[in-house]
Amino acid sequence: MVRTPLTPLERARGLQLGALLRGARGERSIGHVAIAAGLSPETLRKIETGRAPTPAFFTIAALALELGLSLDEVAAVCALPDPDALSA
């Protein structure tokens, strides 16, 4: 199966999602949050840095629950990317 290349919009949303999760994680370690949410620390690291900009819904739902975020908050942050992120 060949994956379609990501658009600049998808990449920008991934960066915004990563920033939201990083901020919500605060001082907690990547390992602690990832394990509590049922994923590997490397997966969370990739999401936070934008290297995995389109994670599965249930991955986001598990992270949001662990970090005390509502899915509405996550959707609002990722709905409209920062215009500067599109040019990066």
C-alpha atoms as a PDB file:
ATOM      1  CA  MET A   1       0.000   0.000   0.000  1.00  0.00           C
ATOM      2  CA  VAL A   2       1.357   3.409  -0.961  1.00  0.00           C
ATOM      3  CA  ARG A   3       0.612   6.292   1.371  1.00  0.00           C
ATOM      4  CA  THR A   4      -0.381   9.617  -0.194  1.00  0.00           C
ATOM      5  CA  PRO A   5       2.088  12.395   0.683  1.00  0.00           C
ATOM      6  CA  LEU A   6       0.892  14.746   3.402  1.00  0.00           C
ATOM      7  CA  THR A   7      -0.283  18.203   2.463  1.00  0.00           C
ATOM      8  CA  PRO A   8       1.166  21.332   4.080  1.00  0.00           C
ATOM      9  CA  LEU A   9      -2.131  21.663   5.978  1.00  0.00           C
ATOM     10  CA  GLU A  10      -1.808  18.139   7.420  1.00  0.00           C
ATOM     11  CA  ARG A  11       1.787  18.824   8.438  1.00  0.00           C
ATOM     12  CA  ALA A  12       0.775  22.114  10.102  1.00  0.00           C
ATOM     13  CA  ARG A  13      -2.047  20.420  11.989  1.00  0.00           C
ATOM     14  CA  GLY A  14       0.381  17.747  13.155  1.00  0.00           C
ATOM     15  CA  LEU A  15       2.743  20.395  14.523  1.00  0.00           C
ATOM     16  CA  GLN A  16      -0.105  22.143  16.318  1.00  0.00           C
ATOM     17  CA  LEU A  17      -1.309  18.863  17.783  1.00  0.00           C
ATOM     18  CA  GLY A  18       2.202  18.098  18.985  1.00  0.00           C
ATOM     19  CA  ALA A  19       2.534  21.495  20.638  1.00  0.00           C
ATOM     20  CA  LEU A  20      -0.820  21.046  22.403  1.00  0.00           C
ATOM     21  CA  LEU A  21       0.140  17.631  23.736  1.00  0.00           C
ATOM     22  CA  ARG A  22       3.596  18.794  24.816  1.00  0.00           C
ATOM     23  CA  GLY A  23       2.071  21.722  26.683  1.00  0.00           C
ATOM     24  CA  ALA A  24      -0.552  19.560  28.362  1.00  0.00           C
ATOM     25  CA  ARG A  25       2.093  17.013  29.368  1.00  0.00           C
ATOM     26  CA  GLY A  26       3.960  19.698  31.294  1.00  0.00           C
ATOM     27  CA  GLU A  27       6.656  18.269  33.551  1.00  0.00           C
ATOM     28  CA  ARG A  28       5.470  14.671  33.167  1.00  0.00           C
ATOM     29  CA  SER A  29       7.867  12.463  31.252  1.00  0.00           C
ATOM     30  CA  ILE A  30       7.092  11.207  27.770  1.00  0.00           C
ATOM     31  CA  GLY A  31       7.478   7.659  29.048  1.00  0.00           C
ATOM     32  CA  HIS A  32       5.022   8.095  31.912  1.00  0.00           C
ATOM     33  CA  VAL A  33       2.314   9.660  29.735  1.00  0.00           C
ATOM     34  CA  ALA A  34       2.818   7.271  26.824  1.00  0.00           C
ATOM     35  CA  ILE A  35       2.624   4.129  28.955  1.00  0.00           C
ATOM     36  CA  ALA A  36      -0.427   5.451  30.821  1.00  0.00           C
ATOM     37  CA  ALA A  37      -2.133   6.114  27.470  1.00  0.00           C
ATOM     38  CA  GLY A  38      -1.224   2.662  26.133  1.00  0.00           C
ATOM     39  CA  LEU A  39       1.412   3.590  23.575  1.00  0.00           C
ATOM     40  CA  SER A  40       5.154   3.615  23.275  1.00  0.00           C
ATOM     41  CA  PRO A  41       7.244   6.616  24.293  1.00  0.00           C
ATOM     42  CA  GLU A  42       8.647   6.721  20.744  1.00  0.00           C
ATOM     43  CA  THR A  43       5.142   7.033  19.285  1.00  0.00           C
ATOM     44  CA  LEU A  44       4.340   9.934  21.603  1.00  0.00           C
ATOM     45  CA  ARG A  45       7.687  11.547  20.772  1.00  0.00           C
ATOM     46  CA  LYS A  46       6.888  11.303  17.039  1.00  0.00           C
ATOM     47  CA  ILE A  47       3.443  12.840  17.550  1.00  0.00           C
ATOM     48  CA  GLU A  48       4.808  15.673  19.689  1.00  0.00           C
ATOM     49  CA  THR A  49       7.522  16.548  17.177  1.00  0.00           C
ATOM     50  CA  GLY A  50       5.257  16.334  14.128  1.00  0.00           C
ATOM     51  CA  ARG A  51       7.011  13.287  12.665  1.00  0.00           C
ATOM     52  CA  ALA A  52       3.687  11.408  13.006  1.00  0.00           C
ATOM     53  CA  PRO A  53       1.284  14.233  12.103  1.00  0.00           C
ATOM     54  CA  THR A  54      -1.838  12.138  11.508  1.00  0.00           C
ATOM     55  CA  PRO A  55      -2.169   9.682  14.410  1.00  0.00           C
ATOM     56  CA  ALA A  56      -5.187   7.432  14.722  1.00  0.00           C
ATOM     57  CA  PHE A  57      -8.301   8.764  16.441  1.00  0.00           C
ATOM     58  CA  PHE A  58      -8.101   6.289  19.311  1.00  0.00           C
ATOM     59  CA  THR A  59      -4.471   7.245  19.933  1.00  0.00           C
ATOM     60  CA  ILE A  60      -5.489  10.893  20.257  1.00  0.00           C
ATOM     61  CA  ALA A  61      -8.482   9.969  22.416  1.00  0.00           C
ATOM     62  CA  ALA A  62      -6.263   7.977  24.812  1.00  0.00           C
ATOM     63  CA  LEU A  63      -3.724  10.805  25.031  1.00  0.00           C
ATOM     64  CA  ALA A  64      -6.421  13.423  25.560  1.00  0.00           C
ATOM     65  CA  LEU A  65      -7.930  11.383  28.389  1.00  0.00           C
ATOM     66  CA  GLU A  66      -4.545  10.902  30.049  1.00  0.00           C
ATOM     67  CA  LEU A  67      -3.664  14.600  29.707  1.00  0.00           C
ATOM     68  CA  GLY A  68      -7.040  15.925  30.843  1.00  0.00           C
ATOM     69  CA  LEU A  69      -7.916  17.411  27.456  1.00  0.00           C
ATOM     70  CA  SER A  70     -11.326  17.196  25.858  1.00  0.00           C
ATOM     71  CA  LEU A  71     -11.575  16.085  22.257  1.00  0.00           C
ATOM     72  CA  ASP A  72     -13.262  19.435  21.586  1.00  0.00           C
ATOM     73  CA  GLU A  73     -10.088  21.203  22.769  1.00  0.00           C
ATOM     74  CA  VAL A  74      -7.945  19.020  20.541  1.00  0.00           C
ATOM     75  CA  ALA A  75     -10.195  19.610  17.539  1.00  0.00           C
ATOM     76  CA  ALA A  76     -10.260  23.375  18.095  1.00  0.00           C
ATOM     77  CA  VAL A  77      -6.469  23.609  18.160  1.00  0.00           C
ATOM     78  CA  CYS A  78      -6.062  21.454  15.078  1.00  0.00           C
ATOM     79  CA  ALA A  79      -8.923  22.887  13.018  1.00  0.00           C
ATOM     80  CA  LEU A  80      -7.177  25.955  11.642  1.00  0.00           C
ATOM     81  CA  PRO A  81      -3.405  25.885  11.486  1.00  0.00           C
ATOM     82  CA  ASP A  82      -1.236  28.888  12.170  1.00  0.00           C
ATOM     83  CA  PRO A  83      -0.578  30.490   8.742  1.00  0.00           C
ATOM     84  CA  ASP A  84       3.148  30.717   9.561  1.00  0.00           C
ATOM     85  CA  ALA A  85       3.280  26.926  10.015  1.00  0.00           C
ATOM     86  CA  LEU A  86       2.188  26.420   6.405  1.00  0.00           C
ATOM     87  CA  SER A  87       5.274  28.160   5.072  1.00  0.00           C
ATOM     88  CA  ALA A  88       7.664  26.088   7.212  1.00  0.00           C
END
